[in-house]
Amino acid sequence: MRRDPFALPGLPPMVQWLLIANGIGFVLQQLSPFLFVHLALWPLGQNVVPTSMGLAQAPPFRLWQLLSYGFLHSGFSHLFFNMFGLWMFGRAVELMFGSRRFLLYYLVCVVGAGICQLLTLYVAGARFATPTIGASGGLFGILLAFGMMFPNARVMLLFPPIPMTAKWLVIGYGLLELYLGMTGAQAGVAHFAHLGGMAFGFALIWYWRNQARPRR
C-alpha cells in the first residue's frame, strides 16, 4: 500500500472510462433534450411539472433511470467538480479494490443514491416533479471508501482551504449533508441521495469484509 494515496501515476482503467462516460453523457444531453427527459431520475407516482403552458404530466419513472441519471449533469461546473472528485479519490480506491470491484462499487452507490432519493421524495409527498441527475451519489460512496481505507491521509478542502485527515472529511461531509437534508437549507440539492451513496457503499464494503473473513 502506498503511503501517499494521491501519488499515483496515470489513471486506472475504470476511473478513466467513468470520466469519459460522464463526459459523453454531458455532451449528448446538450445535443438532445429527449435523452435528458428519459434518462434523468423522475419521482415515483403521478407528478406534474410547471411549463410555459401551465402544469403538465411529468415523465414516468423507469427502472433504468436509477443508473442513467448518474451520467447526466446540470452544467459544466456540476460535471467538473464531480469528475475532479472521482479523479482525486477514485484512483486510490480502484487500486485497492481492483477495477471490476471498483466499477461494481461505484454503480451500486449510484443506484443506492437514486433509491434513497426516490424514497425521500415519496415520503415528502412532493407534488411537483423535479428530476435528479449527477454522479454525486457515486462520488460520495467513493469518498467514504477512501476515508475507510486511508483514514489518516491528509486532504485539503477547496472552499475553504482547510487541511484535515480523510476520516474527518468523510464524517464532516456526512453530518453536513444530514443537516442540510433535514433543514432544507440548500434547496435543489439531493442531500439524501448523497447520504444514500455513502450508506450503500458502507453496506457493500461491510459485506465484502465479512465474506473475506475465514469461517470457523
N, C-alpha and C. Protein backbone atom coordinates (compact mmCIF):
# COMPACT_ATOMS: atom_id res chain seq x y z
N MET A 1 0.84 -1.19 0.00
CA MET A 1 0.00 0.00 0.00
C MET A 1 0.88 1.25 0.00
N ARG A 2 0.54 2.20 -0.84
CA ARG A 2 1.31 3.44 -0.89
C ARG A 2 1.00 4.29 0.33
N ARG A 3 2.02 4.95 0.84
CA ARG A 3 1.83 5.81 1.99
C ARG A 3 1.06 7.07 1.61
N ASP A 4 1.25 7.55 0.39
CA ASP A 4 0.51 8.70 -0.09
C ASP A 4 -0.46 8.24 -1.18
N PRO A 5 -1.76 8.14 -0.88
CA PRO A 5 -2.71 7.62 -1.87
C PRO A 5 -2.92 8.55 -3.05
N PHE A 6 -2.45 9.80 -2.96
CA PHE A 6 -2.62 10.73 -4.06
C PHE A 6 -1.45 10.67 -5.05
N ALA A 7 -0.33 10.06 -4.64
CA ALA A 7 0.86 9.99 -5.50
C ALA A 7 0.78 8.77 -6.40
N LEU A 8 -0.17 8.79 -7.33
CA LEU A 8 -0.39 7.66 -8.21
C LEU A 8 -0.16 8.08 -9.66
N PRO A 9 0.64 7.32 -10.39
CA PRO A 9 0.90 7.68 -11.79
C PRO A 9 -0.27 7.30 -12.69
N GLY A 10 -0.63 8.18 -13.61
CA GLY A 10 -1.63 7.85 -14.60
C GLY A 10 -3.03 7.65 -14.03
N LEU A 11 -3.91 7.11 -14.87
CA LEU A 11 -5.29 6.84 -14.48
C LEU A 11 -5.57 5.36 -14.59
N PRO A 12 -6.11 4.73 -13.54
CA PRO A 12 -6.54 3.33 -13.67
C PRO A 12 -7.71 3.24 -14.65
N PRO A 13 -7.95 2.08 -15.23
CA PRO A 13 -8.88 1.99 -16.37
C PRO A 13 -10.32 2.39 -16.06
N MET A 14 -10.87 1.97 -14.92
CA MET A 14 -12.28 2.26 -14.67
C MET A 14 -12.52 3.73 -14.35
N VAL A 15 -11.61 4.37 -13.65
CA VAL A 15 -11.74 5.80 -13.43
C VAL A 15 -11.70 6.52 -14.78
N GLN A 16 -10.80 6.08 -15.64
CA GLN A 16 -10.69 6.70 -16.97
C GLN A 16 -11.98 6.54 -17.75
N TRP A 17 -12.54 5.33 -17.77
CA TRP A 17 -13.76 5.10 -18.53
C TRP A 17 -14.96 5.82 -17.93
N LEU A 18 -15.01 5.94 -16.61
CA LEU A 18 -16.10 6.69 -15.99
C LEU A 18 -16.01 8.18 -16.31
N LEU A 19 -14.80 8.71 -16.35
CA LEU A 19 -14.62 10.11 -16.75
C LEU A 19 -15.11 10.32 -18.19
N ILE A 20 -14.74 9.40 -19.06
CA ILE A 20 -15.15 9.51 -20.47
C ILE A 20 -16.66 9.37 -20.60
N ALA A 21 -17.25 8.38 -19.90
CA ALA A 21 -18.69 8.14 -19.99
C ALA A 21 -19.49 9.34 -19.50
N ASN A 22 -19.04 9.95 -18.41
CA ASN A 22 -19.74 11.14 -17.91
C ASN A 22 -19.60 12.31 -18.87
N GLY A 23 -18.42 12.44 -19.48
CA GLY A 23 -18.23 13.49 -20.47
C GLY A 23 -19.13 13.30 -21.68
N ILE A 24 -19.23 12.05 -22.16
CA ILE A 24 -20.11 11.76 -23.30
C ILE A 24 -21.57 12.02 -22.94
N GLY A 25 -21.96 11.59 -21.73
CA GLY A 25 -23.33 11.83 -21.29
C GLY A 25 -23.67 13.31 -21.25
N PHE A 26 -22.73 14.12 -20.81
CA PHE A 26 -22.97 15.57 -20.74
C PHE A 26 -23.12 16.17 -22.13
N VAL A 27 -22.28 15.75 -23.06
CA VAL A 27 -22.37 16.26 -24.43
C VAL A 27 -23.69 15.84 -25.08
N LEU A 28 -24.07 14.59 -24.91
CA LEU A 28 -25.28 14.10 -25.55
C LEU A 28 -26.53 14.80 -25.02
N GLN A 29 -26.55 15.09 -23.71
CA GLN A 29 -27.73 15.75 -23.17
C GLN A 29 -27.86 17.19 -23.66
N GLN A 30 -26.73 17.80 -24.06
CA GLN A 30 -26.79 19.13 -24.65
C GLN A 30 -27.35 19.07 -26.07
N LEU A 31 -27.07 17.97 -26.76
CA LEU A 31 -27.50 17.83 -28.14
C LEU A 31 -28.93 17.36 -28.27
N SER A 32 -29.41 16.60 -27.26
CA SER A 32 -30.74 16.02 -27.36
C SER A 32 -31.47 16.11 -26.02
N PRO A 33 -32.40 17.07 -25.88
CA PRO A 33 -33.21 17.12 -24.67
C PRO A 33 -34.02 15.85 -24.45
N PHE A 34 -34.30 15.12 -25.51
CA PHE A 34 -35.02 13.85 -25.40
C PHE A 34 -34.31 12.90 -24.46
N LEU A 35 -32.97 12.83 -24.57
CA LEU A 35 -32.20 11.95 -23.70
C LEU A 35 -32.33 12.37 -22.25
N PHE A 36 -32.27 13.67 -22.00
CA PHE A 36 -32.39 14.14 -20.63
C PHE A 36 -33.73 13.73 -20.03
N VAL A 37 -34.80 13.91 -20.80
CA VAL A 37 -36.14 13.62 -20.29
C VAL A 37 -36.28 12.15 -19.91
N HIS A 38 -35.70 11.27 -20.69
CA HIS A 38 -35.90 9.84 -20.48
C HIS A 38 -34.81 9.17 -19.64
N LEU A 39 -33.69 9.85 -19.46
CA LEU A 39 -32.60 9.24 -18.69
C LEU A 39 -32.43 9.84 -17.31
N ALA A 40 -33.00 11.02 -17.05
CA ALA A 40 -32.97 11.59 -15.71
C ALA A 40 -33.84 10.75 -14.78
N LEU A 41 -33.63 10.87 -13.48
CA LEU A 41 -34.38 10.10 -12.49
C LEU A 41 -35.61 10.89 -12.07
N TRP A 42 -36.80 10.38 -12.44
CA TRP A 42 -38.05 11.05 -12.12
C TRP A 42 -38.71 10.38 -10.91
N PRO A 43 -39.43 11.15 -10.10
CA PRO A 43 -40.04 10.59 -8.88
C PRO A 43 -41.09 9.53 -9.20
N LEU A 44 -41.41 8.75 -8.18
CA LEU A 44 -42.46 7.74 -8.29
C LEU A 44 -43.83 8.42 -8.27
N GLY A 45 -44.83 7.74 -8.81
CA GLY A 45 -46.19 8.22 -8.72
C GLY A 45 -46.55 9.22 -9.79
N GLN A 46 -47.75 9.78 -9.64
CA GLN A 46 -48.27 10.76 -10.59
C GLN A 46 -47.84 12.15 -10.16
N ASN A 47 -46.96 12.78 -10.94
CA ASN A 47 -46.47 14.10 -10.62
C ASN A 47 -46.66 15.03 -11.80
N VAL A 48 -46.57 16.32 -11.53
CA VAL A 48 -46.71 17.31 -12.59
C VAL A 48 -45.49 18.21 -12.59
N VAL A 49 -45.25 18.82 -13.74
CA VAL A 49 -44.16 19.79 -13.88
C VAL A 49 -44.73 21.08 -14.43
N PRO A 50 -44.26 22.23 -13.92
CA PRO A 50 -44.72 23.51 -14.46
C PRO A 50 -44.09 23.79 -15.81
N THR A 51 -44.88 24.25 -16.76
CA THR A 51 -44.40 24.61 -18.09
C THR A 51 -44.93 26.00 -18.44
N SER A 52 -44.51 26.51 -19.59
CA SER A 52 -44.99 27.82 -20.04
C SER A 52 -46.48 27.81 -20.33
N MET A 53 -47.03 26.61 -20.54
CA MET A 53 -48.46 26.47 -20.84
C MET A 53 -49.27 26.08 -19.61
N GLY A 54 -48.62 26.04 -18.44
CA GLY A 54 -49.29 25.59 -17.22
C GLY A 54 -48.67 24.31 -16.70
N LEU A 55 -49.47 23.48 -16.05
CA LEU A 55 -48.97 22.23 -15.49
C LEU A 55 -49.13 21.10 -16.50
N ALA A 56 -48.12 20.22 -16.55
CA ALA A 56 -48.15 19.08 -17.45
C ALA A 56 -47.73 17.83 -16.70
N GLN A 57 -48.13 16.69 -17.20
CA GLN A 57 -47.77 15.42 -16.58
C GLN A 57 -46.27 15.18 -16.69
N ALA A 58 -45.64 14.84 -15.58
CA ALA A 58 -44.20 14.58 -15.59
C ALA A 58 -43.91 13.24 -16.24
N PRO A 59 -42.74 13.07 -16.82
CA PRO A 59 -42.36 11.76 -17.36
C PRO A 59 -42.37 10.70 -16.27
N PRO A 60 -42.69 9.46 -16.60
CA PRO A 60 -42.77 8.41 -15.58
C PRO A 60 -41.39 7.92 -15.14
N PHE A 61 -41.36 7.34 -13.97
CA PHE A 61 -40.14 6.66 -13.51
C PHE A 61 -39.95 5.37 -14.29
N ARG A 62 -38.71 5.14 -14.72
CA ARG A 62 -38.35 3.88 -15.36
C ARG A 62 -37.14 3.30 -14.63
N LEU A 63 -37.07 1.98 -14.62
CA LEU A 63 -36.04 1.31 -13.82
C LEU A 63 -34.63 1.72 -14.23
N TRP A 64 -34.39 1.88 -15.52
CA TRP A 64 -33.04 2.22 -15.98
C TRP A 64 -32.57 3.59 -15.50
N GLN A 65 -33.51 4.43 -15.09
CA GLN A 65 -33.14 5.77 -14.64
C GLN A 65 -32.30 5.73 -13.37
N LEU A 66 -32.40 4.65 -12.58
CA LEU A 66 -31.60 4.52 -11.37
C LEU A 66 -30.11 4.46 -11.68
N LEU A 67 -29.77 4.17 -12.90
CA LEU A 67 -28.37 4.14 -13.32
C LEU A 67 -28.04 5.29 -14.27
N SER A 68 -28.94 5.54 -15.21
CA SER A 68 -28.63 6.53 -16.26
C SER A 68 -28.52 7.95 -15.72
N TYR A 69 -29.25 8.27 -14.64
CA TYR A 69 -29.22 9.64 -14.13
C TYR A 69 -27.83 10.05 -13.67
N GLY A 70 -27.01 9.05 -13.27
CA GLY A 70 -25.68 9.32 -12.77
C GLY A 70 -24.69 9.77 -13.83
N PHE A 71 -25.10 9.76 -15.10
CA PHE A 71 -24.21 10.20 -16.18
C PHE A 71 -24.69 11.50 -16.83
N LEU A 72 -25.64 12.16 -16.16
CA LEU A 72 -26.13 13.46 -16.61
C LEU A 72 -25.76 14.51 -15.57
N HIS A 73 -25.58 15.75 -16.01
CA HIS A 73 -25.23 16.84 -15.09
C HIS A 73 -25.93 18.13 -15.49
N SER A 74 -26.15 18.99 -14.49
CA SER A 74 -26.92 20.21 -14.71
C SER A 74 -26.12 21.31 -15.39
N GLY A 75 -24.81 21.20 -15.39
CA GLY A 75 -23.97 22.22 -16.02
C GLY A 75 -22.52 21.80 -15.96
N PHE A 76 -21.65 22.60 -16.57
CA PHE A 76 -20.24 22.22 -16.63
C PHE A 76 -19.60 22.19 -15.25
N SER A 77 -19.95 23.14 -14.38
CA SER A 77 -19.35 23.16 -13.04
C SER A 77 -19.77 21.94 -12.25
N HIS A 78 -21.02 21.52 -12.40
CA HIS A 78 -21.51 20.30 -11.74
C HIS A 78 -20.70 19.09 -12.20
N LEU A 79 -20.51 18.99 -13.51
CA LEU A 79 -19.72 17.90 -14.08
C LEU A 79 -18.27 17.98 -13.61
N PHE A 80 -17.68 19.18 -13.65
CA PHE A 80 -16.26 19.33 -13.33
C PHE A 80 -15.96 18.90 -11.90
N PHE A 81 -16.72 19.38 -10.94
CA PHE A 81 -16.42 19.07 -9.55
C PHE A 81 -16.66 17.60 -9.22
N ASN A 82 -17.68 17.00 -9.84
CA ASN A 82 -17.88 15.56 -9.62
C ASN A 82 -16.73 14.75 -10.22
N MET A 83 -16.30 15.12 -11.42
CA MET A 83 -15.23 14.38 -12.06
C MET A 83 -13.88 14.65 -11.39
N PHE A 84 -13.70 15.84 -10.87
CA PHE A 84 -12.48 16.14 -10.12
C PHE A 84 -12.40 15.26 -8.88
N GLY A 85 -13.52 15.10 -8.17
CA GLY A 85 -13.55 14.22 -7.00
C GLY A 85 -13.32 12.77 -7.38
N LEU A 86 -13.91 12.34 -8.50
CA LEU A 86 -13.70 10.97 -8.97
C LEU A 86 -12.23 10.73 -9.29
N TRP A 87 -11.60 11.69 -9.96
CA TRP A 87 -10.18 11.56 -10.28
C TRP A 87 -9.32 11.57 -9.01
N MET A 88 -9.65 12.46 -8.08
CA MET A 88 -8.82 12.65 -6.91
C MET A 88 -8.86 11.44 -5.98
N PHE A 89 -10.06 10.93 -5.70
CA PHE A 89 -10.21 9.85 -4.72
C PHE A 89 -10.37 8.48 -5.37
N GLY A 90 -10.91 8.44 -6.59
CA GLY A 90 -11.19 7.16 -7.21
C GLY A 90 -9.97 6.36 -7.60
N ARG A 91 -8.86 7.04 -7.90
CA ARG A 91 -7.65 6.32 -8.32
C ARG A 91 -7.16 5.38 -7.23
N ALA A 92 -7.07 5.89 -6.00
CA ALA A 92 -6.58 5.06 -4.89
C ALA A 92 -7.57 3.96 -4.55
N VAL A 93 -8.87 4.27 -4.63
CA VAL A 93 -9.88 3.26 -4.31
C VAL A 93 -9.87 2.15 -5.34
N GLU A 94 -9.73 2.50 -6.62
CA GLU A 94 -9.66 1.45 -7.64
C GLU A 94 -8.40 0.59 -7.46
N LEU A 95 -7.30 1.21 -7.10
CA LEU A 95 -6.06 0.45 -6.87
C LEU A 95 -6.26 -0.58 -5.75
N MET A 96 -6.99 -0.21 -4.72
CA MET A 96 -7.21 -1.12 -3.59
C MET A 96 -8.27 -2.18 -3.91
N PHE A 97 -9.34 -1.78 -4.58
CA PHE A 97 -10.44 -2.71 -4.87
C PHE A 97 -10.14 -3.63 -6.04
N GLY A 98 -9.40 -3.13 -7.02
CA GLY A 98 -9.32 -3.78 -8.32
C GLY A 98 -10.38 -3.18 -9.22
N SER A 99 -10.16 -3.21 -10.52
CA SER A 99 -11.01 -2.47 -11.45
C SER A 99 -12.45 -2.98 -11.48
N ARG A 100 -12.65 -4.28 -11.54
CA ARG A 100 -14.02 -4.81 -11.64
C ARG A 100 -14.81 -4.52 -10.38
N ARG A 101 -14.21 -4.74 -9.23
CA ARG A 101 -14.91 -4.49 -7.96
C ARG A 101 -15.15 -2.99 -7.78
N PHE A 102 -14.22 -2.17 -8.22
CA PHE A 102 -14.40 -0.73 -8.13
C PHE A 102 -15.61 -0.28 -8.95
N LEU A 103 -15.73 -0.78 -10.18
CA LEU A 103 -16.86 -0.41 -11.02
C LEU A 103 -18.17 -0.85 -10.38
N LEU A 104 -18.20 -2.08 -9.87
CA LEU A 104 -19.40 -2.57 -9.19
C LEU A 104 -19.75 -1.68 -8.01
N TYR A 105 -18.75 -1.33 -7.23
CA TYR A 105 -18.96 -0.48 -6.05
C TYR A 105 -19.54 0.87 -6.47
N TYR A 106 -18.96 1.48 -7.47
CA TYR A 106 -19.42 2.79 -7.93
C TYR A 106 -20.87 2.74 -8.39
N LEU A 107 -21.20 1.74 -9.20
CA LEU A 107 -22.56 1.65 -9.72
C LEU A 107 -23.57 1.34 -8.62
N VAL A 108 -23.19 0.52 -7.65
CA VAL A 108 -24.08 0.25 -6.51
C VAL A 108 -24.37 1.54 -5.75
N CYS A 109 -23.35 2.36 -5.58
CA CYS A 109 -23.54 3.64 -4.88
C CYS A 109 -24.45 4.57 -5.67
N VAL A 110 -24.31 4.60 -6.98
CA VAL A 110 -25.18 5.43 -7.82
C VAL A 110 -26.63 4.96 -7.70
N VAL A 111 -26.85 3.66 -7.82
CA VAL A 111 -28.20 3.11 -7.73
C VAL A 111 -28.77 3.32 -6.32
N GLY A 112 -27.94 3.08 -5.30
CA GLY A 112 -28.39 3.27 -3.93
C GLY A 112 -28.78 4.70 -3.64
N ALA A 113 -28.00 5.63 -4.18
CA ALA A 113 -28.33 7.05 -4.01
C ALA A 113 -29.66 7.37 -4.67
N GLY A 114 -29.89 6.81 -5.86
CA GLY A 114 -31.16 7.03 -6.56
C GLY A 114 -32.34 6.47 -5.79
N ILE A 115 -32.18 5.29 -5.21
CA ILE A 115 -33.26 4.70 -4.41
C ILE A 115 -33.59 5.58 -3.22
N CYS A 116 -32.57 6.06 -2.53
CA CYS A 116 -32.80 6.93 -1.37
C CYS A 116 -33.48 8.24 -1.77
N GLN A 117 -33.13 8.77 -2.92
CA GLN A 117 -33.76 9.99 -3.39
C GLN A 117 -35.24 9.75 -3.72
N LEU A 118 -35.54 8.64 -4.36
CA LEU A 118 -36.93 8.32 -4.67
C LEU A 118 -37.76 8.18 -3.40
N LEU A 119 -37.21 7.48 -2.41
CA LEU A 119 -37.93 7.29 -1.15
C LEU A 119 -38.12 8.62 -0.42
N THR A 120 -37.10 9.48 -0.47
CA THR A 120 -37.21 10.78 0.18
C THR A 120 -38.33 11.61 -0.44
N LEU A 121 -38.38 11.66 -1.76
CA LEU A 121 -39.43 12.43 -2.43
C LEU A 121 -40.80 11.83 -2.20
N TYR A 122 -40.87 10.50 -2.15
CA TYR A 122 -42.16 9.83 -1.94
C TYR A 122 -42.69 10.11 -0.53
N VAL A 123 -41.81 10.00 0.46
CA VAL A 123 -42.22 10.26 1.85
C VAL A 123 -42.60 11.72 2.03
N ALA A 124 -41.85 12.61 1.37
CA ALA A 124 -42.14 14.04 1.49
C ALA A 124 -43.44 14.43 0.78
N GLY A 125 -43.91 13.56 -0.09
CA GLY A 125 -45.16 13.84 -0.80
C GLY A 125 -45.04 14.99 -1.77
N ALA A 126 -43.89 15.10 -2.42
CA ALA A 126 -43.68 16.21 -3.36
C ALA A 126 -44.64 16.09 -4.55
N ARG A 127 -45.36 17.18 -4.83
CA ARG A 127 -46.33 17.17 -5.93
C ARG A 127 -45.69 17.54 -7.25
N PHE A 128 -44.77 18.49 -7.20
CA PHE A 128 -44.10 18.91 -8.43
C PHE A 128 -42.85 18.07 -8.65
N ALA A 129 -42.77 17.47 -9.81
CA ALA A 129 -41.67 16.55 -10.10
C ALA A 129 -40.41 17.32 -10.46
N THR A 130 -39.33 16.97 -9.79
CA THR A 130 -38.02 17.52 -10.10
C THR A 130 -37.08 16.37 -10.42
N PRO A 131 -36.51 16.30 -11.62
CA PRO A 131 -35.62 15.18 -11.94
C PRO A 131 -34.30 15.28 -11.19
N THR A 132 -33.75 14.15 -10.85
CA THR A 132 -32.46 14.07 -10.17
C THR A 132 -31.40 13.64 -11.19
N ILE A 133 -30.27 14.34 -11.21
CA ILE A 133 -29.18 13.99 -12.11
C ILE A 133 -27.86 14.20 -11.38
N GLY A 134 -26.81 13.54 -11.88
CA GLY A 134 -25.48 13.77 -11.35
C GLY A 134 -24.84 12.53 -10.76
N ALA A 135 -23.51 12.53 -10.76
CA ALA A 135 -22.73 11.40 -10.27
C ALA A 135 -22.38 11.53 -8.79
N SER A 136 -23.01 12.47 -8.08
CA SER A 136 -22.62 12.75 -6.70
C SER A 136 -22.81 11.54 -5.79
N GLY A 137 -23.86 10.73 -6.02
CA GLY A 137 -24.06 9.55 -5.19
C GLY A 137 -22.89 8.59 -5.28
N GLY A 138 -22.40 8.35 -6.51
CA GLY A 138 -21.22 7.51 -6.67
C GLY A 138 -19.99 8.14 -6.07
N LEU A 139 -19.84 9.46 -6.21
CA LEU A 139 -18.69 10.15 -5.66
C LEU A 139 -18.68 10.08 -4.14
N PHE A 140 -19.82 10.27 -3.50
CA PHE A 140 -19.86 10.19 -2.05
C PHE A 140 -19.56 8.78 -1.56
N GLY A 141 -19.96 7.77 -2.33
CA GLY A 141 -19.58 6.41 -1.98
C GLY A 141 -18.08 6.19 -2.07
N ILE A 142 -17.46 6.75 -3.10
CA ILE A 142 -16.01 6.65 -3.24
C ILE A 142 -15.31 7.41 -2.12
N LEU A 143 -15.84 8.57 -1.77
CA LEU A 143 -15.26 9.34 -0.67
C LEU A 143 -15.30 8.54 0.62
N LEU A 144 -16.40 7.85 0.88
CA LEU A 144 -16.49 7.01 2.07
C LEU A 144 -15.45 5.91 2.04
N ALA A 145 -15.32 5.23 0.90
CA ALA A 145 -14.34 4.14 0.78
C ALA A 145 -12.93 4.66 0.99
N PHE A 146 -12.62 5.83 0.44
CA PHE A 146 -11.30 6.42 0.62
C PHE A 146 -11.05 6.70 2.10
N GLY A 147 -12.04 7.26 2.78
CA GLY A 147 -11.88 7.56 4.20
C GLY A 147 -11.69 6.31 5.05
N MET A 148 -12.32 5.21 4.66
CA MET A 148 -12.18 3.95 5.41
C MET A 148 -10.83 3.30 5.15
N MET A 149 -10.31 3.43 3.94
CA MET A 149 -9.06 2.76 3.59
C MET A 149 -7.83 3.61 3.90
N PHE A 150 -8.00 4.92 3.85
CA PHE A 150 -6.89 5.83 4.13
C PHE A 150 -7.32 6.89 5.14
N PRO A 151 -7.69 6.47 6.35
CA PRO A 151 -8.29 7.41 7.31
C PRO A 151 -7.38 8.56 7.70
N ASN A 152 -6.08 8.35 7.67
CA ASN A 152 -5.15 9.39 8.12
C ASN A 152 -4.48 10.16 6.99
N ALA A 153 -4.94 9.92 5.75
CA ALA A 153 -4.40 10.68 4.61
C ALA A 153 -4.79 12.14 4.76
N ARG A 154 -3.85 13.04 4.46
CA ARG A 154 -4.11 14.47 4.57
C ARG A 154 -4.75 14.98 3.29
N VAL A 155 -5.87 15.67 3.44
CA VAL A 155 -6.57 16.26 2.31
C VAL A 155 -6.77 17.75 2.57
N MET A 156 -6.97 18.47 1.49
CA MET A 156 -7.16 19.92 1.59
C MET A 156 -8.49 20.29 0.94
N LEU A 157 -9.37 20.90 1.70
CA LEU A 157 -10.62 21.38 1.14
C LEU A 157 -10.35 22.49 0.15
N LEU A 158 -11.25 22.60 -0.84
CA LEU A 158 -11.13 23.70 -1.80
C LEU A 158 -11.74 24.98 -1.24
N PHE A 159 -12.93 24.85 -0.65
CA PHE A 159 -13.63 26.01 -0.10
C PHE A 159 -14.20 25.64 1.27
N PRO A 160 -13.59 26.14 2.35
CA PRO A 160 -12.36 26.92 2.43
C PRO A 160 -11.14 25.99 2.40
N PRO A 161 -9.94 26.52 2.12
CA PRO A 161 -8.74 25.66 2.04
C PRO A 161 -8.23 25.26 3.43
N ILE A 162 -8.89 24.25 4.01
CA ILE A 162 -8.54 23.79 5.35
C ILE A 162 -8.00 22.37 5.26
N PRO A 163 -6.80 22.08 5.78
CA PRO A 163 -6.28 20.71 5.76
C PRO A 163 -6.93 19.88 6.87
N MET A 164 -7.15 18.59 6.56
CA MET A 164 -7.69 17.67 7.56
C MET A 164 -7.41 16.25 7.10
N THR A 165 -7.66 15.29 7.97
CA THR A 165 -7.48 13.90 7.59
C THR A 165 -8.74 13.40 6.88
N ALA A 166 -8.58 12.34 6.10
CA ALA A 166 -9.69 11.83 5.29
C ALA A 166 -10.87 11.39 6.14
N LYS A 167 -10.60 10.78 7.31
CA LYS A 167 -11.71 10.30 8.13
C LYS A 167 -12.59 11.45 8.62
N TRP A 168 -11.97 12.58 8.95
CA TRP A 168 -12.75 13.73 9.40
C TRP A 168 -13.46 14.42 8.24
N LEU A 169 -12.87 14.33 7.07
CA LEU A 169 -13.53 14.86 5.88
C LEU A 169 -14.83 14.10 5.63
N VAL A 170 -14.77 12.77 5.70
CA VAL A 170 -15.95 11.94 5.47
C VAL A 170 -17.00 12.20 6.54
N ILE A 171 -16.59 12.21 7.80
CA ILE A 171 -17.54 12.46 8.89
C ILE A 171 -18.17 13.84 8.75
N GLY A 172 -17.34 14.83 8.42
CA GLY A 172 -17.85 16.19 8.28
C GLY A 172 -18.85 16.31 7.14
N TYR A 173 -18.53 15.71 6.00
CA TYR A 173 -19.44 15.76 4.87
C TYR A 173 -20.75 15.05 5.19
N GLY A 174 -20.64 13.90 5.85
CA GLY A 174 -21.84 13.15 6.20
C GLY A 174 -22.76 13.94 7.12
N LEU A 175 -22.20 14.58 8.14
CA LEU A 175 -23.00 15.37 9.07
C LEU A 175 -23.58 16.60 8.38
N LEU A 176 -22.80 17.22 7.51
CA LEU A 176 -23.28 18.39 6.79
C LEU A 176 -24.44 18.04 5.88
N GLU A 177 -24.32 16.93 5.14
CA GLU A 177 -25.40 16.51 4.26
C GLU A 177 -26.65 16.17 5.05
N LEU A 178 -26.50 15.54 6.22
CA LEU A 178 -27.65 15.22 7.05
C LEU A 178 -28.33 16.50 7.54
N TYR A 179 -27.54 17.47 7.97
CA TYR A 179 -28.09 18.74 8.44
C TYR A 179 -28.83 19.47 7.33
N LEU A 180 -28.20 19.57 6.16
CA LEU A 180 -28.82 20.27 5.05
C LEU A 180 -30.07 19.56 4.56
N GLY A 181 -30.04 18.23 4.58
CA GLY A 181 -31.21 17.48 4.16
C GLY A 181 -32.38 17.62 5.12
N MET A 182 -32.10 17.63 6.42
CA MET A 182 -33.15 17.73 7.42
C MET A 182 -33.74 19.14 7.49
N THR A 183 -32.92 20.14 7.29
CA THR A 183 -33.38 21.53 7.43
C THR A 183 -33.87 22.12 6.12
N GLY A 184 -33.48 21.54 4.99
CA GLY A 184 -33.85 22.11 3.70
C GLY A 184 -33.17 23.43 3.43
N ALA A 185 -32.01 23.64 4.08
CA ALA A 185 -31.32 24.93 3.96
C ALA A 185 -30.72 25.14 2.58
N GLN A 186 -30.50 24.09 1.82
CA GLN A 186 -29.92 24.21 0.48
C GLN A 186 -30.82 23.48 -0.50
N ALA A 187 -31.86 24.16 -0.93
CA ALA A 187 -32.84 23.55 -1.81
C ALA A 187 -32.23 23.26 -3.18
N GLY A 188 -32.77 22.24 -3.83
CA GLY A 188 -32.31 21.90 -5.16
C GLY A 188 -31.15 20.94 -5.20
N VAL A 189 -30.66 20.51 -4.03
CA VAL A 189 -29.56 19.55 -3.94
C VAL A 189 -30.08 18.29 -3.26
N ALA A 190 -29.78 17.13 -3.85
CA ALA A 190 -30.29 15.85 -3.33
C ALA A 190 -29.39 15.34 -2.21
N HIS A 191 -29.52 15.94 -1.03
CA HIS A 191 -28.64 15.60 0.09
C HIS A 191 -28.83 14.15 0.54
N PHE A 192 -30.07 13.68 0.56
CA PHE A 192 -30.29 12.30 0.99
C PHE A 192 -29.81 11.29 -0.04
N ALA A 193 -29.70 11.72 -1.30
CA ALA A 193 -29.07 10.85 -2.30
C ALA A 193 -27.59 10.71 -2.00
N HIS A 194 -26.94 11.81 -1.61
CA HIS A 194 -25.53 11.74 -1.23
C HIS A 194 -25.33 10.79 -0.06
N LEU A 195 -26.19 10.93 0.95
CA LEU A 195 -26.10 10.02 2.10
C LEU A 195 -26.40 8.59 1.70
N GLY A 196 -27.32 8.42 0.75
CA GLY A 196 -27.62 7.07 0.27
C GLY A 196 -26.44 6.43 -0.42
N GLY A 197 -25.68 7.22 -1.20
CA GLY A 197 -24.47 6.68 -1.82
C GLY A 197 -23.48 6.21 -0.79
N MET A 198 -23.32 6.97 0.28
CA MET A 198 -22.41 6.59 1.36
C MET A 198 -22.93 5.35 2.09
N ALA A 199 -24.24 5.30 2.34
CA ALA A 199 -24.82 4.18 3.09
C ALA A 199 -24.70 2.87 2.32
N PHE A 200 -25.02 2.91 1.03
CA PHE A 200 -24.92 1.69 0.22
C PHE A 200 -23.46 1.28 0.05
N GLY A 201 -22.57 2.26 -0.06
CA GLY A 201 -21.15 1.94 -0.14
C GLY A 201 -20.65 1.27 1.12
N PHE A 202 -21.06 1.79 2.26
CA PHE A 202 -20.65 1.20 3.53
C PHE A 202 -21.18 -0.23 3.65
N ALA A 203 -22.44 -0.44 3.26
CA ALA A 203 -23.03 -1.78 3.34
C ALA A 203 -22.27 -2.77 2.45
N LEU A 204 -21.88 -2.34 1.26
CA LEU A 204 -21.16 -3.24 0.35
C LEU A 204 -19.76 -3.55 0.88
N ILE A 205 -19.06 -2.55 1.42
CA ILE A 205 -17.74 -2.80 2.00
C ILE A 205 -17.86 -3.74 3.19
N TRP A 206 -18.86 -3.53 4.01
CA TRP A 206 -19.09 -4.41 5.18
C TRP A 206 -19.34 -5.84 4.72
N TYR A 207 -20.13 -6.01 3.65
CA TYR A 207 -20.42 -7.34 3.12
C TYR A 207 -19.15 -8.00 2.60
N TRP A 208 -18.36 -7.27 1.82
CA TRP A 208 -17.12 -7.84 1.29
C TRP A 208 -16.16 -8.23 2.40
N ARG A 209 -16.07 -7.42 3.42
CA ARG A 209 -15.16 -7.73 4.53
C ARG A 209 -15.60 -8.97 5.28
N ASN A 210 -16.90 -9.13 5.45
CA ASN A 210 -17.38 -10.32 6.13
C ASN A 210 -17.22 -11.57 5.28
N GLN A 211 -17.35 -11.41 3.95
CA GLN A 211 -17.12 -12.54 3.06
C GLN A 211 -15.67 -12.99 3.06
N ALA A 212 -14.77 -12.04 3.28
CA ALA A 212 -13.34 -12.34 3.25
C ALA A 212 -12.82 -12.97 4.53
N ARG A 213 -13.59 -12.87 5.62
CA ARG A 213 -13.14 -13.43 6.89
C ARG A 213 -13.18 -14.95 6.85
N PRO A 214 -12.16 -15.61 7.38
CA PRO A 214 -12.16 -17.08 7.39
C PRO A 214 -13.27 -17.62 8.28
N ARG A 215 -13.94 -18.63 7.81
CA ARG A 215 -15.04 -19.25 8.57
C ARG A 215 -14.48 -20.37 9.44
N ARG A 216 -15.00 -20.43 10.65
CA ARG A 216 -14.56 -21.49 11.57
C ARG A 216 -15.40 -22.74 11.41
